[in-house]
Amino acid sequence: MLNVLFFFLMLGLINYVIYSFIVGYKRTGKVLGAFRHSATILWARFVALVGASAGVLAGLADTLNMPEVREVIQSVMKPEYVAFFIIFIAVITEWARSRTLGE
């Protein structure tokens, strides 16, 4: 039950990121304007999209009984790599926070 809830939550997050991009692009007419010219918002939505996509793919792989897809995702997300990913995301977030796009 929790897996199904997580799956739909991640699917909703993907839809939100795509929808907000489309609405922002229509409003400003610029790709970077869709993120309010903020590198931080662009980066946060990219990280959310990648994370949610990995969660949805893993859930679909379980549902469709495709263990090879799940194994590929798990090989990239090994526990020893998580610290690297966290540091990488923190560094990019710090960099993005100190800048704005389009100015």
N, C-alpha and C. Protein backbone atom coordinates (compact mmCIF):
# COMPACT_ATOMS: atom_id res chain seq x y z
N MET A 1 0.82 -1.20 0.00
CA MET A 1 0.00 0.00 0.00
C MET A 1 0.87 1.26 0.00
N LEU A 2 1.92 1.26 0.81
CA LEU A 2 2.81 2.40 0.89
C LEU A 2 3.55 2.60 -0.44
N ASN A 3 3.90 1.51 -1.11
CA ASN A 3 4.56 1.62 -2.42
C ASN A 3 3.66 2.29 -3.45
N VAL A 4 2.38 1.96 -3.41
CA VAL A 4 1.43 2.56 -4.35
C VAL A 4 1.29 4.05 -4.06
N LEU A 5 1.21 4.41 -2.79
CA LEU A 5 1.12 5.81 -2.41
C LEU A 5 2.37 6.58 -2.85
N PHE A 6 3.54 6.00 -2.61
CA PHE A 6 4.80 6.61 -3.03
C PHE A 6 4.83 6.78 -4.55
N PHE A 7 4.39 5.75 -5.27
CA PHE A 7 4.39 5.81 -6.73
C PHE A 7 3.54 6.97 -7.24
N PHE A 8 2.33 7.11 -6.72
CA PHE A 8 1.45 8.19 -7.17
C PHE A 8 1.93 9.56 -6.69
N LEU A 9 2.56 9.61 -5.54
CA LEU A 9 3.12 10.86 -5.07
C LEU A 9 4.25 11.32 -6.00
N MET A 10 5.12 10.40 -6.39
CA MET A 10 6.21 10.74 -7.31
C MET A 10 5.68 11.10 -8.69
N LEU A 11 4.68 10.41 -9.14
CA LEU A 11 4.06 10.72 -10.43
C LEU A 11 3.43 12.11 -10.40
N GLY A 12 2.81 12.45 -9.28
CA GLY A 12 2.26 13.79 -9.11
C GLY A 12 3.34 14.86 -9.11
N LEU A 13 4.48 14.57 -8.50
CA LEU A 13 5.58 15.51 -8.49
C LEU A 13 6.12 15.75 -9.90
N ILE A 14 6.25 14.70 -10.67
CA ILE A 14 6.70 14.83 -12.06
C ILE A 14 5.72 15.71 -12.84
N ASN A 15 4.43 15.44 -12.67
CA ASN A 15 3.41 16.24 -13.37
C ASN A 15 3.45 17.70 -12.93
N TYR A 16 3.67 17.96 -11.63
CA TYR A 16 3.75 19.33 -11.15
C TYR A 16 4.92 20.07 -11.78
N VAL A 17 6.09 19.44 -11.84
CA VAL A 17 7.27 20.09 -12.41
C VAL A 17 7.03 20.41 -13.89
N ILE A 18 6.48 19.47 -14.62
CA ILE A 18 6.21 19.70 -16.05
C ILE A 18 5.14 20.78 -16.23
N TYR A 19 4.07 20.70 -15.45
CA TYR A 19 2.99 21.69 -15.55
C TYR A 19 3.50 23.10 -15.22
N SER A 20 4.26 23.23 -14.14
CA SER A 20 4.74 24.56 -13.76
C SER A 20 5.71 25.11 -14.80
N PHE A 21 6.47 24.24 -15.45
CA PHE A 21 7.35 24.69 -16.53
C PHE A 21 6.53 25.23 -17.70
N ILE A 22 5.51 24.50 -18.09
CA ILE A 22 4.67 24.92 -19.23
C ILE A 22 3.98 26.24 -18.92
N VAL A 23 3.40 26.36 -17.74
CA VAL A 23 2.71 27.60 -17.36
C VAL A 23 3.69 28.76 -17.32
N GLY A 24 4.85 28.56 -16.74
CA GLY A 24 5.85 29.62 -16.66
C GLY A 24 6.37 30.02 -18.03
N TYR A 25 6.55 29.04 -18.90
CA TYR A 25 7.02 29.34 -20.25
C TYR A 25 5.97 30.14 -21.03
N LYS A 26 4.71 29.75 -20.90
CA LYS A 26 3.64 30.49 -21.59
C LYS A 26 3.53 31.92 -21.06
N ARG A 27 3.77 32.10 -19.77
CA ARG A 27 3.67 33.42 -19.15
C ARG A 27 4.79 34.34 -19.61
N THR A 28 6.03 33.82 -19.69
CA THR A 28 7.17 34.68 -19.99
C THR A 28 7.67 34.57 -21.43
N GLY A 29 7.39 33.46 -22.08
CA GLY A 29 7.89 33.26 -23.43
C GLY A 29 9.35 32.84 -23.47
N LYS A 30 9.95 32.60 -22.31
CA LYS A 30 11.35 32.19 -22.23
C LYS A 30 11.45 30.92 -21.40
N VAL A 31 12.38 30.05 -21.81
CA VAL A 31 12.58 28.81 -21.06
C VAL A 31 13.02 29.11 -19.64
N LEU A 32 14.00 29.98 -19.47
CA LEU A 32 14.50 30.28 -18.13
C LEU A 32 13.50 31.11 -17.33
N GLY A 33 12.62 31.80 -18.00
CA GLY A 33 11.57 32.53 -17.32
C GLY A 33 10.59 31.62 -16.61
N ALA A 34 10.52 30.39 -17.06
CA ALA A 34 9.63 29.41 -16.43
C ALA A 34 10.06 29.11 -15.00
N PHE A 35 11.31 29.40 -14.69
CA PHE A 35 11.84 29.17 -13.34
C PHE A 35 12.05 30.48 -12.59
N ARG A 36 11.33 31.52 -13.02
CA ARG A 36 11.40 32.84 -12.42
C ARG A 36 12.83 33.39 -12.41
N HIS A 37 13.60 33.00 -13.42
CA HIS A 37 14.99 33.43 -13.57
C HIS A 37 15.83 33.10 -12.34
N SER A 38 15.50 31.99 -11.69
CA SER A 38 16.21 31.59 -10.48
C SER A 38 16.92 30.27 -10.73
N ALA A 39 18.24 30.29 -10.58
CA ALA A 39 19.02 29.06 -10.72
C ALA A 39 18.66 28.07 -9.63
N THR A 40 18.32 28.57 -8.46
CA THR A 40 17.96 27.68 -7.35
C THR A 40 16.68 26.91 -7.66
N ILE A 41 15.69 27.60 -8.19
CA ILE A 41 14.44 26.93 -8.54
C ILE A 41 14.67 25.94 -9.68
N LEU A 42 15.44 26.32 -10.68
CA LEU A 42 15.77 25.41 -11.77
C LEU A 42 16.43 24.16 -11.24
N TRP A 43 17.42 24.31 -10.38
CA TRP A 43 18.15 23.16 -9.83
C TRP A 43 17.24 22.29 -8.95
N ALA A 44 16.43 22.92 -8.11
CA ALA A 44 15.53 22.16 -7.23
C ALA A 44 14.54 21.33 -8.03
N ARG A 45 14.01 21.92 -9.09
CA ARG A 45 13.05 21.17 -9.90
C ARG A 45 13.72 20.07 -10.70
N PHE A 46 14.96 20.30 -11.14
CA PHE A 46 15.70 19.25 -11.83
C PHE A 46 15.97 18.07 -10.90
N VAL A 47 16.42 18.36 -9.68
CA VAL A 47 16.69 17.29 -8.70
C VAL A 47 15.41 16.54 -8.37
N ALA A 48 14.32 17.27 -8.18
CA ALA A 48 13.03 16.64 -7.89
C ALA A 48 12.58 15.76 -9.05
N LEU A 49 12.76 16.24 -10.27
CA LEU A 49 12.35 15.47 -11.45
C LEU A 49 13.17 14.19 -11.59
N VAL A 50 14.47 14.28 -11.39
CA VAL A 50 15.32 13.09 -11.49
C VAL A 50 14.98 12.09 -10.39
N GLY A 51 14.84 12.57 -9.16
CA GLY A 51 14.51 11.68 -8.05
C GLY A 51 13.15 11.02 -8.21
N ALA A 52 12.16 11.80 -8.61
CA ALA A 52 10.82 11.25 -8.79
C ALA A 52 10.80 10.26 -9.96
N SER A 53 11.52 10.56 -11.02
CA SER A 53 11.57 9.65 -12.16
C SER A 53 12.20 8.32 -11.77
N ALA A 54 13.26 8.36 -10.98
CA ALA A 54 13.89 7.12 -10.51
C ALA A 54 12.91 6.32 -9.65
N GLY A 55 12.16 7.01 -8.79
CA GLY A 55 11.17 6.32 -7.97
C GLY A 55 10.06 5.69 -8.79
N VAL A 56 9.58 6.41 -9.79
CA VAL A 56 8.51 5.89 -10.65
C VAL A 56 9.02 4.70 -11.47
N LEU A 57 10.23 4.82 -12.02
CA LEU A 57 10.79 3.71 -12.79
C LEU A 57 10.98 2.47 -11.94
N ALA A 58 11.45 2.65 -10.72
CA ALA A 58 11.63 1.51 -9.82
C ALA A 58 10.28 0.88 -9.49
N GLY A 59 9.27 1.71 -9.24
CA GLY A 59 7.93 1.17 -8.97
C GLY A 59 7.34 0.44 -10.15
N LEU A 60 7.51 1.00 -11.34
CA LEU A 60 7.03 0.32 -12.55
C LEU A 60 7.76 -0.99 -12.78
N ALA A 61 9.06 -1.00 -12.51
CA ALA A 61 9.85 -2.22 -12.69
C ALA A 61 9.34 -3.32 -11.76
N ASP A 62 9.00 -2.95 -10.53
CA ASP A 62 8.44 -3.95 -9.60
C ASP A 62 7.08 -4.43 -10.07
N THR A 63 6.25 -3.50 -10.50
CA THR A 63 4.90 -3.85 -10.93
C THR A 63 4.91 -4.74 -12.17
N LEU A 64 5.79 -4.42 -13.11
CA LEU A 64 5.86 -5.18 -14.37
C LEU A 64 6.79 -6.37 -14.29
N ASN A 65 7.29 -6.66 -13.09
CA ASN A 65 8.18 -7.79 -12.85
C ASN A 65 9.40 -7.74 -13.78
N MET A 66 10.10 -6.60 -13.72
CA MET A 66 11.31 -6.40 -14.52
C MET A 66 12.48 -6.11 -13.57
N PRO A 67 13.02 -7.16 -12.95
CA PRO A 67 14.07 -6.94 -11.94
C PRO A 67 15.35 -6.33 -12.52
N GLU A 68 15.60 -6.51 -13.82
CA GLU A 68 16.82 -5.94 -14.41
C GLU A 68 16.80 -4.41 -14.38
N VAL A 69 15.62 -3.81 -14.55
CA VAL A 69 15.52 -2.35 -14.49
C VAL A 69 15.77 -1.88 -13.06
N ARG A 70 15.18 -2.56 -12.11
CA ARG A 70 15.39 -2.22 -10.69
C ARG A 70 16.86 -2.36 -10.31
N GLU A 71 17.53 -3.39 -10.82
CA GLU A 71 18.94 -3.60 -10.52
C GLU A 71 19.81 -2.47 -11.06
N VAL A 72 19.48 -1.97 -12.24
CA VAL A 72 20.24 -0.85 -12.81
C VAL A 72 20.10 0.38 -11.93
N ILE A 73 18.88 0.67 -11.50
CA ILE A 73 18.65 1.83 -10.63
C ILE A 73 19.38 1.65 -9.31
N GLN A 74 19.32 0.46 -8.74
CA GLN A 74 20.00 0.21 -7.47
C GLN A 74 21.51 0.25 -7.62
N SER A 75 22.05 -0.11 -8.78
CA SER A 75 23.50 -0.07 -8.97
C SER A 75 24.01 1.37 -8.97
N VAL A 76 23.19 2.30 -9.43
CA VAL A 76 23.58 3.71 -9.43
C VAL A 76 23.40 4.31 -8.04
N MET A 77 22.40 3.87 -7.32
CA MET A 77 22.06 4.45 -6.02
C MET A 77 22.58 3.60 -4.85
N LYS A 78 23.80 3.10 -4.97
CA LYS A 78 24.40 2.33 -3.88
C LYS A 78 24.61 3.24 -2.67
N PRO A 79 24.52 2.68 -1.49
CA PRO A 79 24.68 3.50 -0.28
C PRO A 79 26.00 4.26 -0.23
N GLU A 80 27.07 3.69 -0.77
CA GLU A 80 28.36 4.39 -0.72
C GLU A 80 28.40 5.61 -1.64
N TYR A 81 27.46 5.70 -2.60
CA TYR A 81 27.39 6.85 -3.49
C TYR A 81 26.50 7.96 -2.96
N VAL A 82 25.66 7.64 -2.00
CA VAL A 82 24.69 8.62 -1.51
C VAL A 82 25.37 9.85 -0.93
N ALA A 83 26.44 9.67 -0.17
CA ALA A 83 27.16 10.81 0.39
C ALA A 83 27.69 11.71 -0.72
N PHE A 84 28.21 11.13 -1.78
CA PHE A 84 28.68 11.91 -2.92
C PHE A 84 27.54 12.71 -3.53
N PHE A 85 26.38 12.07 -3.75
CA PHE A 85 25.23 12.76 -4.33
C PHE A 85 24.78 13.92 -3.45
N ILE A 86 24.75 13.72 -2.15
CA ILE A 86 24.33 14.78 -1.24
C ILE A 86 25.29 15.96 -1.29
N ILE A 87 26.58 15.69 -1.29
CA ILE A 87 27.57 16.77 -1.37
C ILE A 87 27.46 17.49 -2.71
N PHE A 88 27.30 16.74 -3.79
CA PHE A 88 27.17 17.33 -5.12
C PHE A 88 25.95 18.25 -5.19
N ILE A 89 24.83 17.78 -4.68
CA ILE A 89 23.60 18.58 -4.69
C ILE A 89 23.77 19.82 -3.82
N ALA A 90 24.43 19.69 -2.68
CA ALA A 90 24.64 20.84 -1.81
C ALA A 90 25.53 21.89 -2.47
N VAL A 91 26.59 21.46 -3.14
CA VAL A 91 27.50 22.40 -3.80
C VAL A 91 26.77 23.14 -4.93
N ILE A 92 26.03 22.41 -5.75
CA ILE A 92 25.30 23.05 -6.85
C ILE A 92 24.23 23.99 -6.29
N THR A 93 23.57 23.59 -5.22
CA THR A 93 22.54 24.45 -4.62
C THR A 93 23.17 25.74 -4.10
N GLU A 94 24.32 25.63 -3.45
CA GLU A 94 25.01 26.83 -2.97
C GLU A 94 25.39 27.74 -4.13
N TRP A 95 25.92 27.16 -5.18
CA TRP A 95 26.29 27.94 -6.36
C TRP A 95 25.05 28.61 -6.97
N ALA A 96 23.99 27.83 -7.13
CA ALA A 96 22.77 28.36 -7.75
C ALA A 96 22.15 29.46 -6.89
N ARG A 97 22.25 29.33 -5.60
CA ARG A 97 21.65 30.32 -4.70
C ARG A 97 22.35 31.67 -4.83
N SER A 98 23.63 31.62 -5.19
CA SER A 98 24.39 32.87 -5.29
C SER A 98 24.22 33.56 -6.63
N ARG A 99 23.43 32.98 -7.51
CA ARG A 99 23.25 33.54 -8.85
C ARG A 99 21.76 33.63 -9.19
N THR A 100 21.48 34.38 -10.22
CA THR A 100 20.16 34.36 -10.84
C THR A 100 20.34 34.22 -12.32
N LEU A 101 19.41 33.58 -12.97
CA LEU A 101 19.48 33.40 -14.41
C LEU A 101 18.84 34.58 -15.12
N GLY A 102 19.33 34.88 -16.27
CA GLY A 102 18.70 35.89 -17.10
C GLY A 102 19.05 37.33 -16.77
N GLU A 103 19.94 37.55 -15.87
CA GLU A 103 20.31 38.93 -15.54
C GLU A 103 21.70 39.22 -16.06
